[in-house]
Amino acid sequence: MSSYHLMFVDDHPLIVEGIVNIAKSMPELKIVATAGDGPTALKKIPAIAGQLDLIIFDYSMPLMDGEQFLYKLNQLNFNFRKMLLTTVEDPAIFENMLQNGLDGIVLKTAPVTEILQTAKFLIDNPQSSVIGTEVKKLTVRKQSPLTAQETQILALIAQGYHVKEIGQQLSFSERTIKYHLTEIYQKLGAGNRAQAVAIAVSHKWIKL
């Protein structure tokens, strides 16, 4: 039977204790180390990196958040895999971290068995990434309701272009652009251009 060597980094002792206790009932899982914050973990890692298969860490931690911790882990250039276990529900954060070396994401509301099975899967499948069931639901819920064309129009509005200028750029009449803006407002629940832009920017659907 293969052994899986894990490290947990989380500032909530009860979370760590709960997962560690369940991991102990699974003989193939070995908890190599735990830490309550990023800097403490970073000090421990060099001594155990050779036997470490996966590090599971929280996003909201003192001294260093999950994104900062991931950046520091990447600088160490070790081969273990990296999984986020969090209460944060922000698809934009998830997407950014996945693009920067994160291998998996599971919400803390998931059953502990799912958390540990995801950990094992990531170790067994080094070319794969995994997002948990609840994260997938959250991602779908937060997807933009706008079409690609509506997104383009709103992005131009955000850049300061007027309706006439947008119509000229996209080869549409002013009436067509205004129609699209009405659709955008309805989909986003916005009362005007400024609100629509603010909503879209907050969800990272467009950039300023």
N, C-alpha and C. Protein backbone atom coordinates (compact mmCIF):
# COMPACT_ATOMS: atom_id res chain seq x y z
N MET A 1 0.84 -1.20 0.00
CA MET A 1 0.00 0.00 0.00
C MET A 1 0.87 1.25 0.00
N SER A 2 0.56 2.18 -0.88
CA SER A 2 1.31 3.42 -0.95
C SER A 2 1.01 4.29 0.26
N SER A 3 2.01 5.05 0.67
CA SER A 3 1.82 6.01 1.75
C SER A 3 1.74 7.41 1.18
N TYR A 4 0.91 8.23 1.78
CA TYR A 4 0.73 9.61 1.35
C TYR A 4 1.17 10.52 2.50
N HIS A 5 2.16 11.35 2.24
CA HIS A 5 2.71 12.21 3.29
C HIS A 5 2.20 13.64 3.12
N LEU A 6 1.47 14.10 4.15
CA LEU A 6 0.79 15.39 4.07
C LEU A 6 1.28 16.36 5.13
N MET A 7 1.10 17.66 4.81
CA MET A 7 1.30 18.72 5.81
C MET A 7 0.07 19.62 5.78
N PHE A 8 -0.40 20.03 6.97
CA PHE A 8 -1.54 20.94 7.08
C PHE A 8 -1.08 22.28 7.62
N VAL A 9 -1.56 23.35 6.97
CA VAL A 9 -1.27 24.70 7.45
C VAL A 9 -2.60 25.42 7.62
N ASP A 10 -2.96 25.66 8.88
CA ASP A 10 -4.26 26.28 9.18
C ASP A 10 -4.18 26.84 10.60
N ASP A 11 -4.77 28.01 10.80
CA ASP A 11 -4.68 28.65 12.12
C ASP A 11 -5.85 28.26 13.03
N HIS A 12 -6.71 27.35 12.58
CA HIS A 12 -7.82 26.89 13.41
C HIS A 12 -7.49 25.49 13.94
N PRO A 13 -7.08 25.38 15.20
CA PRO A 13 -6.64 24.08 15.75
C PRO A 13 -7.69 22.98 15.62
N LEU A 14 -8.97 23.33 15.77
CA LEU A 14 -10.01 22.30 15.70
C LEU A 14 -10.11 21.71 14.30
N ILE A 15 -9.90 22.56 13.28
CA ILE A 15 -9.93 22.07 11.89
C ILE A 15 -8.79 21.07 11.68
N VAL A 16 -7.60 21.48 12.09
CA VAL A 16 -6.43 20.62 11.92
C VAL A 16 -6.61 19.33 12.71
N GLU A 17 -7.06 19.45 13.97
CA GLU A 17 -7.23 18.28 14.82
C GLU A 17 -8.24 17.30 14.23
N GLY A 18 -9.35 17.85 13.70
CA GLY A 18 -10.39 16.99 13.12
C GLY A 18 -9.88 16.21 11.93
N ILE A 19 -9.18 16.89 11.04
CA ILE A 19 -8.67 16.22 9.84
C ILE A 19 -7.55 15.23 10.21
N VAL A 20 -6.69 15.64 11.12
CA VAL A 20 -5.60 14.75 11.53
C VAL A 20 -6.16 13.48 12.16
N ASN A 21 -7.18 13.62 12.99
CA ASN A 21 -7.76 12.44 13.65
C ASN A 21 -8.35 11.46 12.65
N ILE A 22 -9.04 12.00 11.63
CA ILE A 22 -9.62 11.12 10.62
C ILE A 22 -8.51 10.51 9.75
N ALA A 23 -7.48 11.31 9.47
CA ALA A 23 -6.36 10.79 8.68
C ALA A 23 -5.69 9.62 9.40
N LYS A 24 -5.68 9.65 10.74
CA LYS A 24 -5.06 8.57 11.51
C LYS A 24 -5.80 7.25 11.33
N SER A 25 -7.10 7.35 10.98
CA SER A 25 -7.88 6.12 10.77
C SER A 25 -7.64 5.54 9.39
N MET A 26 -6.88 6.26 8.57
CA MET A 26 -6.55 5.79 7.23
C MET A 26 -5.05 5.51 7.22
N PRO A 27 -4.64 4.27 7.41
CA PRO A 27 -3.23 3.94 7.61
C PRO A 27 -2.30 4.39 6.49
N GLU A 28 -2.86 4.58 5.29
CA GLU A 28 -2.00 5.00 4.19
C GLU A 28 -1.62 6.49 4.25
N LEU A 29 -2.33 7.24 5.10
CA LEU A 29 -2.07 8.68 5.22
C LEU A 29 -1.12 8.96 6.39
N LYS A 30 -0.10 9.74 6.14
CA LYS A 30 0.85 10.12 7.17
C LYS A 30 0.90 11.64 7.28
N ILE A 31 0.63 12.16 8.48
CA ILE A 31 0.71 13.60 8.70
C ILE A 31 2.15 13.91 9.11
N VAL A 32 2.88 14.52 8.21
CA VAL A 32 4.30 14.79 8.45
C VAL A 32 4.48 15.99 9.36
N ALA A 33 3.65 17.02 9.19
CA ALA A 33 3.79 18.24 9.99
C ALA A 33 2.53 19.08 9.90
N THR A 34 2.37 19.97 10.87
CA THR A 34 1.30 20.97 10.84
C THR A 34 1.90 22.31 11.21
N ALA A 35 1.18 23.37 10.84
CA ALA A 35 1.61 24.72 11.20
C ALA A 35 0.39 25.62 11.25
N GLY A 36 0.47 26.68 12.05
CA GLY A 36 -0.66 27.57 12.22
C GLY A 36 -0.63 28.80 11.34
N ASP A 37 0.47 28.99 10.61
CA ASP A 37 0.56 30.14 9.71
C ASP A 37 1.65 29.88 8.67
N GLY A 38 1.64 30.71 7.64
CA GLY A 38 2.57 30.54 6.53
C GLY A 38 4.04 30.60 6.90
N PRO A 39 4.48 31.64 7.62
CA PRO A 39 5.91 31.73 7.96
C PRO A 39 6.41 30.53 8.75
N THR A 40 5.60 30.04 9.70
CA THR A 40 6.00 28.87 10.48
C THR A 40 6.15 27.65 9.56
N ALA A 41 5.19 27.50 8.65
CA ALA A 41 5.24 26.38 7.71
C ALA A 41 6.48 26.46 6.83
N LEU A 42 6.79 27.64 6.35
CA LEU A 42 7.94 27.82 5.46
C LEU A 42 9.25 27.47 6.15
N LYS A 43 9.30 27.66 7.47
CA LYS A 43 10.50 27.29 8.22
C LYS A 43 10.63 25.77 8.36
N LYS A 44 9.48 25.10 8.45
CA LYS A 44 9.49 23.64 8.65
C LYS A 44 9.72 22.87 7.35
N ILE A 45 9.27 23.43 6.24
CA ILE A 45 9.23 22.68 4.99
C ILE A 45 10.59 22.17 4.50
N PRO A 46 11.66 22.98 4.52
CA PRO A 46 12.93 22.47 3.96
C PRO A 46 13.38 21.15 4.58
N ALA A 47 13.12 20.95 5.86
CA ALA A 47 13.58 19.73 6.53
C ALA A 47 12.74 18.50 6.16
N ILE A 48 11.51 18.71 5.68
CA ILE A 48 10.62 17.57 5.39
C ILE A 48 10.26 17.47 3.92
N ALA A 49 10.74 18.41 3.10
CA ALA A 49 10.31 18.48 1.70
C ALA A 49 10.56 17.19 0.94
N GLY A 50 11.63 16.47 1.28
CA GLY A 50 11.97 15.24 0.57
C GLY A 50 10.94 14.14 0.73
N GLN A 51 10.20 14.16 1.83
CA GLN A 51 9.19 13.12 2.06
C GLN A 51 7.77 13.63 1.90
N LEU A 52 7.61 14.91 1.62
CA LEU A 52 6.29 15.52 1.56
C LEU A 52 5.67 15.35 0.18
N ASP A 53 4.45 14.81 0.13
CA ASP A 53 3.73 14.64 -1.14
C ASP A 53 2.77 15.78 -1.42
N LEU A 54 2.17 16.33 -0.37
CA LEU A 54 1.13 17.34 -0.55
C LEU A 54 1.07 18.25 0.66
N ILE A 55 0.90 19.55 0.40
CA ILE A 55 0.66 20.50 1.48
C ILE A 55 -0.74 21.07 1.31
N ILE A 56 -1.53 21.00 2.37
CA ILE A 56 -2.90 21.51 2.36
C ILE A 56 -2.92 22.76 3.24
N PHE A 57 -3.41 23.86 2.70
CA PHE A 57 -3.35 25.11 3.47
C PHE A 57 -4.61 25.95 3.31
N ASP A 58 -4.84 26.78 4.31
CA ASP A 58 -5.99 27.67 4.35
C ASP A 58 -5.68 28.93 3.56
N TYR A 59 -6.74 29.69 3.25
CA TYR A 59 -6.51 30.99 2.59
C TYR A 59 -6.38 32.10 3.62
N SER A 60 -7.32 32.16 4.56
CA SER A 60 -7.35 33.25 5.54
C SER A 60 -6.52 32.86 6.76
N MET A 61 -5.26 33.28 6.76
CA MET A 61 -4.36 32.97 7.87
C MET A 61 -3.67 34.24 8.32
N PRO A 62 -3.22 34.28 9.59
CA PRO A 62 -2.48 35.46 10.05
C PRO A 62 -1.12 35.55 9.38
N LEU A 63 -0.60 36.74 9.27
CA LEU A 63 0.75 37.04 8.77
C LEU A 63 0.90 36.90 7.26
N MET A 64 0.17 35.98 6.65
CA MET A 64 0.35 35.69 5.23
C MET A 64 -0.89 34.98 4.71
N ASP A 65 -1.55 35.53 3.69
CA ASP A 65 -2.75 34.84 3.19
C ASP A 65 -2.35 33.71 2.23
N GLY A 66 -3.35 33.00 1.75
CA GLY A 66 -3.08 31.83 0.92
C GLY A 66 -2.34 32.14 -0.37
N GLU A 67 -2.67 33.27 -0.99
CA GLU A 67 -1.98 33.64 -2.24
C GLU A 67 -0.51 33.96 -1.98
N GLN A 68 -0.25 34.68 -0.90
CA GLN A 68 1.14 34.99 -0.55
C GLN A 68 1.91 33.73 -0.20
N PHE A 69 1.25 32.83 0.51
CA PHE A 69 1.89 31.57 0.89
C PHE A 69 2.22 30.73 -0.35
N LEU A 70 1.28 30.67 -1.29
CA LEU A 70 1.51 29.93 -2.53
C LEU A 70 2.70 30.52 -3.29
N TYR A 71 2.79 31.84 -3.33
CA TYR A 71 3.92 32.49 -4.00
C TYR A 71 5.25 32.07 -3.36
N LYS A 72 5.28 32.04 -2.04
CA LYS A 72 6.50 31.64 -1.33
C LYS A 72 6.83 30.16 -1.59
N LEU A 73 5.78 29.33 -1.62
CA LEU A 73 6.00 27.91 -1.91
C LEU A 73 6.62 27.72 -3.29
N ASN A 74 6.11 28.48 -4.26
CA ASN A 74 6.64 28.37 -5.62
C ASN A 74 8.11 28.76 -5.68
N GLN A 75 8.49 29.71 -4.85
CA GLN A 75 9.90 30.14 -4.83
C GLN A 75 10.81 29.03 -4.30
N LEU A 76 10.27 28.19 -3.41
CA LEU A 76 11.07 27.10 -2.85
C LEU A 76 11.36 26.01 -3.89
N ASN A 77 10.46 25.90 -4.89
CA ASN A 77 10.68 24.99 -6.02
C ASN A 77 10.81 23.53 -5.62
N PHE A 78 9.96 23.10 -4.67
CA PHE A 78 9.92 21.68 -4.31
C PHE A 78 8.86 20.98 -5.15
N ASN A 79 8.88 19.64 -5.12
CA ASN A 79 8.00 18.87 -6.01
C ASN A 79 6.64 18.50 -5.41
N PHE A 80 6.41 18.77 -4.12
CA PHE A 80 5.13 18.37 -3.54
C PHE A 80 3.98 19.18 -4.15
N ARG A 81 2.78 18.61 -4.05
CA ARG A 81 1.60 19.26 -4.61
C ARG A 81 0.97 20.19 -3.59
N LYS A 82 0.07 21.08 -4.08
CA LYS A 82 -0.45 22.15 -3.22
C LYS A 82 -1.97 22.20 -3.34
N MET A 83 -2.66 22.13 -2.19
CA MET A 83 -4.11 22.13 -2.18
C MET A 83 -4.64 23.18 -1.21
N LEU A 84 -5.61 23.95 -1.66
CA LEU A 84 -6.24 24.97 -0.82
C LEU A 84 -7.48 24.38 -0.16
N LEU A 85 -7.59 24.53 1.16
CA LEU A 85 -8.76 24.11 1.92
C LEU A 85 -9.27 25.35 2.64
N THR A 86 -10.44 25.84 2.25
CA THR A 86 -10.80 27.19 2.67
C THR A 86 -12.30 27.41 2.85
N THR A 87 -12.64 28.48 3.55
CA THR A 87 -14.03 28.95 3.63
C THR A 87 -14.27 30.09 2.65
N VAL A 88 -13.21 30.60 2.07
CA VAL A 88 -13.34 31.69 1.09
C VAL A 88 -14.08 31.18 -0.13
N GLU A 89 -15.02 31.98 -0.64
CA GLU A 89 -15.81 31.57 -1.80
C GLU A 89 -15.69 32.62 -2.89
N ASP A 90 -14.52 32.73 -3.46
CA ASP A 90 -14.26 33.75 -4.48
C ASP A 90 -13.62 33.10 -5.71
N PRO A 91 -14.42 32.87 -6.77
CA PRO A 91 -13.88 32.23 -7.97
C PRO A 91 -12.69 32.97 -8.58
N ALA A 92 -12.66 34.30 -8.44
CA ALA A 92 -11.55 35.07 -9.01
C ALA A 92 -10.24 34.71 -8.31
N ILE A 93 -10.30 34.57 -6.98
CA ILE A 93 -9.11 34.15 -6.22
C ILE A 93 -8.71 32.74 -6.63
N PHE A 94 -9.69 31.85 -6.75
CA PHE A 94 -9.40 30.47 -7.14
C PHE A 94 -8.72 30.41 -8.50
N GLU A 95 -9.27 31.15 -9.46
CA GLU A 95 -8.71 31.13 -10.81
C GLU A 95 -7.28 31.63 -10.82
N ASN A 96 -7.03 32.70 -10.09
CA ASN A 96 -5.69 33.26 -10.04
C ASN A 96 -4.70 32.27 -9.42
N MET A 97 -5.11 31.61 -8.36
CA MET A 97 -4.21 30.66 -7.69
C MET A 97 -3.98 29.42 -8.55
N LEU A 98 -5.00 28.95 -9.23
CA LEU A 98 -4.83 27.79 -10.12
C LEU A 98 -3.87 28.11 -11.26
N GLN A 99 -3.88 29.36 -11.70
CA GLN A 99 -2.98 29.77 -12.76
C GLN A 99 -1.55 29.95 -12.25
N ASN A 100 -1.41 29.99 -10.92
CA ASN A 100 -0.09 30.23 -10.34
C ASN A 100 0.41 29.06 -9.49
N GLY A 101 0.07 27.85 -9.93
CA GLY A 101 0.70 26.69 -9.34
C GLY A 101 -0.12 25.90 -8.33
N LEU A 102 -1.36 26.34 -8.02
CA LEU A 102 -2.19 25.57 -7.11
C LEU A 102 -2.73 24.35 -7.84
N ASP A 103 -2.79 23.20 -7.15
CA ASP A 103 -3.22 21.96 -7.80
C ASP A 103 -4.66 21.56 -7.48
N GLY A 104 -5.17 22.01 -6.35
CA GLY A 104 -6.53 21.61 -5.98
C GLY A 104 -7.17 22.57 -5.00
N ILE A 105 -8.50 22.59 -4.99
CA ILE A 105 -9.26 23.45 -4.07
C ILE A 105 -10.45 22.66 -3.54
N VAL A 106 -10.62 22.67 -2.22
CA VAL A 106 -11.79 22.07 -1.59
C VAL A 106 -12.27 23.04 -0.50
N LEU A 107 -13.59 23.23 -0.42
CA LEU A 107 -14.13 24.07 0.64
C LEU A 107 -14.17 23.29 1.96
N LYS A 108 -14.03 24.00 3.06
CA LYS A 108 -14.04 23.35 4.37
C LYS A 108 -15.40 22.74 4.70
N THR A 109 -16.43 23.15 3.99
CA THR A 109 -17.76 22.57 4.21
C THR A 109 -17.88 21.16 3.62
N ALA A 110 -16.90 20.76 2.83
CA ALA A 110 -16.93 19.41 2.24
C ALA A 110 -16.70 18.36 3.32
N PRO A 111 -17.22 17.15 3.13
CA PRO A 111 -16.93 16.07 4.09
C PRO A 111 -15.42 15.82 4.16
N VAL A 112 -14.95 15.50 5.36
CA VAL A 112 -13.52 15.27 5.52
C VAL A 112 -13.03 14.15 4.61
N THR A 113 -13.89 13.15 4.39
CA THR A 113 -13.50 12.05 3.50
C THR A 113 -13.23 12.57 2.09
N GLU A 114 -14.04 13.54 1.62
CA GLU A 114 -13.81 14.12 0.28
C GLU A 114 -12.49 14.88 0.27
N ILE A 115 -12.23 15.61 1.34
CA ILE A 115 -10.98 16.38 1.44
C ILE A 115 -9.78 15.44 1.31
N LEU A 116 -9.81 14.34 2.05
CA LEU A 116 -8.67 13.42 2.05
C LEU A 116 -8.59 12.60 0.76
N GLN A 117 -9.73 12.25 0.19
CA GLN A 117 -9.71 11.54 -1.10
C GLN A 117 -9.17 12.45 -2.20
N THR A 118 -9.51 13.73 -2.14
CA THR A 118 -8.97 14.69 -3.11
C THR A 118 -7.46 14.78 -2.96
N ALA A 119 -7.01 14.80 -1.72
CA ALA A 119 -5.56 14.85 -1.46
C ALA A 119 -4.87 13.65 -2.08
N LYS A 120 -5.43 12.46 -1.87
CA LYS A 120 -4.83 11.24 -2.43
C LYS A 120 -4.84 11.27 -3.96
N PHE A 121 -5.94 11.76 -4.54
CA PHE A 121 -6.04 11.82 -6.00
C PHE A 121 -4.95 12.73 -6.57
N LEU A 122 -4.75 13.88 -5.94
CA LEU A 122 -3.74 14.82 -6.44
C LEU A 122 -2.34 14.21 -6.40
N ILE A 123 -2.07 13.43 -5.36
CA ILE A 123 -0.76 12.80 -5.26
C ILE A 123 -0.61 11.69 -6.31
N ASP A 124 -1.67 10.92 -6.50
CA ASP A 124 -1.63 9.80 -7.45
C ASP A 124 -1.64 10.26 -8.91
N ASN A 125 -2.12 11.47 -9.15
CA ASN A 125 -2.26 11.99 -10.53
C ASN A 125 -1.55 13.34 -10.64
N PRO A 126 -0.24 13.31 -10.75
CA PRO A 126 0.56 14.55 -10.69
C PRO A 126 0.32 15.53 -11.83
N GLN A 127 -0.35 15.10 -12.89
CA GLN A 127 -0.62 16.02 -14.00
C GLN A 127 -2.03 16.60 -13.91
N SER A 128 -2.79 16.21 -12.89
CA SER A 128 -4.19 16.64 -12.79
C SER A 128 -4.37 17.72 -11.73
N SER A 129 -5.43 18.51 -11.91
CA SER A 129 -5.85 19.44 -10.88
C SER A 129 -7.30 19.11 -10.53
N VAL A 130 -7.71 19.46 -9.32
CA VAL A 130 -9.04 19.10 -8.85
C VAL A 130 -9.67 20.28 -8.11
N ILE A 131 -10.94 20.56 -8.42
CA ILE A 131 -11.70 21.47 -7.58
C ILE A 131 -12.89 20.70 -7.03
N GLY A 132 -13.15 20.88 -5.75
CA GLY A 132 -14.18 20.11 -5.07
C GLY A 132 -15.58 20.39 -5.59
N THR A 133 -16.50 19.54 -5.20
CA THR A 133 -17.89 19.63 -5.66
C THR A 133 -18.49 21.00 -5.37
N GLU A 134 -18.33 21.49 -4.15
CA GLU A 134 -18.92 22.78 -3.76
C GLU A 134 -18.26 23.93 -4.50
N VAL A 135 -16.96 23.81 -4.77
CA VAL A 135 -16.27 24.86 -5.52
C VAL A 135 -16.81 24.94 -6.94
N LYS A 136 -17.09 23.78 -7.54
CA LYS A 136 -17.65 23.76 -8.89
C LYS A 136 -19.01 24.47 -8.93
N LYS A 137 -19.85 24.19 -7.93
CA LYS A 137 -21.16 24.84 -7.86
C LYS A 137 -20.99 26.35 -7.74
N LEU A 138 -20.04 26.76 -6.91
CA LEU A 138 -19.80 28.18 -6.69
C LEU A 138 -19.32 28.84 -7.97
N THR A 139 -18.42 28.19 -8.68
CA THR A 139 -17.88 28.75 -9.92
C THR A 139 -18.97 28.96 -10.96
N VAL A 140 -19.85 27.97 -11.08
CA VAL A 140 -20.95 28.10 -12.04
C VAL A 140 -21.85 29.26 -11.65
N ARG A 141 -22.11 29.38 -10.33
CA ARG A 141 -23.01 30.42 -9.86
C ARG A 141 -22.44 31.81 -10.12
N LYS A 142 -21.14 31.93 -10.16
CA LYS A 142 -20.51 33.23 -10.29
C LYS A 142 -20.10 33.57 -11.73
N GLN A 143 -20.44 32.72 -12.67
CA GLN A 143 -20.08 33.01 -14.06
C GLN A 143 -20.86 34.21 -14.57
N SER A 144 -20.28 34.95 -15.48
CA SER A 144 -20.92 36.14 -16.02
C SER A 144 -22.18 35.77 -16.81
N PRO A 145 -23.27 36.52 -16.61
CA PRO A 145 -24.49 36.29 -17.39
C PRO A 145 -24.43 36.97 -18.76
N LEU A 146 -23.37 37.73 -19.00
CA LEU A 146 -23.27 38.51 -20.24
C LEU A 146 -22.71 37.66 -21.38
N THR A 147 -23.17 37.97 -22.59
CA THR A 147 -22.58 37.34 -23.78
C THR A 147 -21.23 37.97 -24.04
N ALA A 148 -20.45 37.37 -24.93
CA ALA A 148 -19.14 37.92 -25.28
C ALA A 148 -19.27 39.34 -25.85
N GLN A 149 -20.31 39.56 -26.65
CA GLN A 149 -20.53 40.87 -27.25
C GLN A 149 -20.90 41.91 -26.20
N GLU A 150 -21.76 41.51 -25.27
CA GLU A 150 -22.16 42.43 -24.19
C GLU A 150 -20.97 42.76 -23.31
N THR A 151 -20.13 41.76 -23.05
CA THR A 151 -18.93 41.99 -22.25
C THR A 151 -18.01 42.99 -22.93
N GLN A 152 -17.86 42.85 -24.24
CA GLN A 152 -17.01 43.76 -25.01
C GLN A 152 -17.55 45.19 -24.95
N ILE A 153 -18.86 45.33 -25.09
CA ILE A 153 -19.48 46.66 -25.04
C ILE A 153 -19.30 47.29 -23.66
N LEU A 154 -19.52 46.51 -22.61
CA LEU A 154 -19.38 47.05 -21.26
C LEU A 154 -17.93 47.39 -20.96
N ALA A 155 -17.00 46.60 -21.47
CA ALA A 155 -15.58 46.90 -21.28
C ALA A 155 -15.22 48.23 -21.94
N LEU A 156 -15.79 48.49 -23.11
CA LEU A 156 -15.53 49.77 -23.79
C LEU A 156 -16.16 50.93 -23.02
N ILE A 157 -17.35 50.70 -22.46
CA ILE A 157 -17.98 51.72 -21.62
C ILE A 157 -17.07 52.03 -20.43
N ALA A 158 -16.52 50.99 -19.83
CA ALA A 158 -15.63 51.16 -18.68
C ALA A 158 -14.38 51.95 -19.03
N GLN A 159 -13.96 51.84 -20.30
CA GLN A 159 -12.77 52.57 -20.75
C GLN A 159 -13.08 54.02 -21.13
N GLY A 160 -14.36 54.38 -21.03
CA GLY A 160 -14.72 55.77 -21.28
C GLY A 160 -15.26 56.09 -22.65
N TYR A 161 -15.50 55.08 -23.47
CA TYR A 161 -16.03 55.32 -24.81
C TYR A 161 -17.52 55.63 -24.75
N HIS A 162 -17.99 56.50 -25.65
CA HIS A 162 -19.40 56.84 -25.73
C HIS A 162 -20.10 55.87 -26.69
N VAL A 163 -21.43 55.86 -26.61
CA VAL A 163 -22.22 54.94 -27.42
C VAL A 163 -21.89 55.06 -28.90
N LYS A 164 -21.79 56.29 -29.38
CA LYS A 164 -21.50 56.52 -30.80
C LYS A 164 -20.15 55.92 -31.18
N GLU A 165 -19.15 56.13 -30.32
CA GLU A 165 -17.80 55.62 -30.59
C GLU A 165 -17.79 54.08 -30.58
N ILE A 166 -18.52 53.49 -29.65
CA ILE A 166 -18.58 52.03 -29.58
C ILE A 166 -19.26 51.48 -30.83
N GLY A 167 -20.34 52.14 -31.26
CA GLY A 167 -21.03 51.73 -32.48
C GLY A 167 -20.10 51.74 -33.68
N GLN A 168 -19.27 52.78 -33.77
CA GLN A 168 -18.33 52.89 -34.89
C GLN A 168 -17.28 51.78 -34.82
N GLN A 169 -16.79 51.50 -33.61
CA GLN A 169 -15.78 50.45 -33.46
C GLN A 169 -16.31 49.07 -33.83
N LEU A 170 -17.56 48.81 -33.45
CA LEU A 170 -18.12 47.47 -33.64
C LEU A 170 -19.01 47.36 -34.87
N SER A 171 -19.11 48.46 -35.60
CA SER A 171 -19.94 48.51 -36.81
C SER A 171 -21.42 48.25 -36.50
N PHE A 172 -21.89 48.85 -35.41
CA PHE A 172 -23.29 48.78 -35.02
C PHE A 172 -23.87 50.19 -35.00
N SER A 173 -25.19 50.29 -35.10
CA SER A 173 -25.85 51.58 -34.94
C SER A 173 -25.88 51.94 -33.46
N GLU A 174 -26.09 53.23 -33.19
CA GLU A 174 -26.20 53.66 -31.79
C GLU A 174 -27.39 52.97 -31.12
N ARG A 175 -28.46 52.78 -31.88
CA ARG A 175 -29.65 52.13 -31.34
C ARG A 175 -29.33 50.71 -30.88
N THR A 176 -28.53 50.00 -31.67
CA THR A 176 -28.16 48.63 -31.31
C THR A 176 -27.33 48.60 -30.03
N ILE A 177 -26.39 49.53 -29.91
CA ILE A 177 -25.56 49.60 -28.71
C ILE A 177 -26.42 49.90 -27.49
N LYS A 178 -27.37 50.82 -27.64
CA LYS A 178 -28.26 51.16 -26.52
C LYS A 178 -29.12 49.96 -26.13
N TYR A 179 -29.54 49.19 -27.13
CA TYR A 179 -30.32 47.99 -26.85
C TYR A 179 -29.49 47.00 -26.02
N HIS A 180 -28.23 46.81 -26.44
CA HIS A 180 -27.35 45.91 -25.70
C HIS A 180 -27.13 46.41 -24.27
N LEU A 181 -26.99 47.71 -24.10
CA LEU A 181 -26.79 48.26 -22.77
C LEU A 181 -28.01 47.99 -21.88
N THR A 182 -29.19 48.11 -22.45
CA THR A 182 -30.41 47.81 -21.69
C THR A 182 -30.41 46.36 -21.23
N GLU A 183 -30.00 45.47 -22.13
CA GLU A 183 -29.91 44.05 -21.79
C GLU A 183 -28.88 43.82 -20.68
N ILE A 184 -27.76 44.52 -20.77
CA ILE A 184 -26.70 44.39 -19.77
C ILE A 184 -27.22 44.82 -18.40
N TYR A 185 -27.91 45.97 -18.35
CA TYR A 185 -28.42 46.48 -17.08
C TYR A 185 -29.38 45.47 -16.45
N GLN A 186 -30.26 44.89 -17.28
CA GLN A 186 -31.25 43.94 -16.77
C GLN A 186 -30.56 42.69 -16.22
N LYS A 187 -29.58 42.19 -16.95
CA LYS A 187 -28.90 40.97 -16.52
C LYS A 187 -28.11 41.17 -15.23
N LEU A 188 -27.53 42.36 -15.06
CA LEU A 188 -26.70 42.62 -13.89
C LEU A 188 -27.48 43.25 -12.75
N GLY A 189 -28.73 43.63 -13.00
CA GLY A 189 -29.51 44.31 -11.96
C GLY A 189 -28.98 45.69 -11.68
N ALA A 190 -28.47 46.34 -12.72
CA ALA A 190 -27.88 47.68 -12.58
C ALA A 190 -28.84 48.75 -13.08
N GLY A 191 -28.74 49.95 -12.49
CA GLY A 191 -29.61 51.04 -12.89
C GLY A 191 -28.98 51.96 -13.91
N ASN A 192 -27.65 51.88 -14.06
CA ASN A 192 -26.96 52.76 -15.00
C ASN A 192 -25.60 52.16 -15.36
N ARG A 193 -24.89 52.89 -16.21
CA ARG A 193 -23.60 52.39 -16.68
C ARG A 193 -22.60 52.20 -15.55
N ALA A 194 -22.55 53.18 -14.66
CA ALA A 194 -21.57 53.12 -13.56
C ALA A 194 -21.80 51.89 -12.70
N GLN A 195 -23.07 51.60 -12.38
CA GLN A 195 -23.37 50.42 -11.58
C GLN A 195 -23.02 49.14 -12.32
N ALA A 196 -23.34 49.09 -13.60
CA ALA A 196 -23.04 47.90 -14.40
C ALA A 196 -21.54 47.63 -14.43
N VAL A 197 -20.77 48.69 -14.64
CA VAL A 197 -19.32 48.55 -14.67
C VAL A 197 -18.80 48.09 -13.31
N ALA A 198 -19.32 48.69 -12.23
CA ALA A 198 -18.86 48.34 -10.88
C ALA A 198 -19.15 46.87 -10.57
N ILE A 199 -20.33 46.40 -10.95
CA ILE A 199 -20.70 45.00 -10.70
C ILE A 199 -19.79 44.06 -11.48
N ALA A 200 -19.59 44.37 -12.76
CA ALA A 200 -18.78 43.50 -13.61
C ALA A 200 -17.32 43.48 -13.16
N VAL A 201 -16.80 44.62 -12.75
CA VAL A 201 -15.41 44.69 -12.28
C VAL A 201 -15.25 43.91 -10.98
N SER A 202 -16.23 44.04 -10.08
CA SER A 202 -16.13 43.35 -8.78
C SER A 202 -16.08 41.84 -8.94
N HIS A 203 -16.72 41.32 -10.00
CA HIS A 203 -16.72 39.88 -10.26
C HIS A 203 -15.61 39.46 -11.22
N LYS A 204 -14.78 40.45 -11.61
CA LYS A 204 -13.68 40.18 -12.54
C LYS A 204 -14.18 39.75 -13.92
N TRP A 205 -15.40 40.18 -14.30
CA TRP A 205 -15.92 39.87 -15.63
C TRP A 205 -15.35 40.81 -16.67
N ILE A 206 -14.97 42.00 -16.24
CA ILE A 206 -14.22 42.93 -17.10
C ILE A 206 -13.12 43.55 -16.26
N LYS A 207 -12.15 44.14 -16.93
CA LYS A 207 -11.04 44.80 -16.23
C LYS A 207 -11.02 46.28 -16.59
N LEU A 208 -10.64 47.11 -15.62
CA LEU A 208 -10.47 48.54 -15.89
C LEU A 208 -9.10 48.79 -16.45
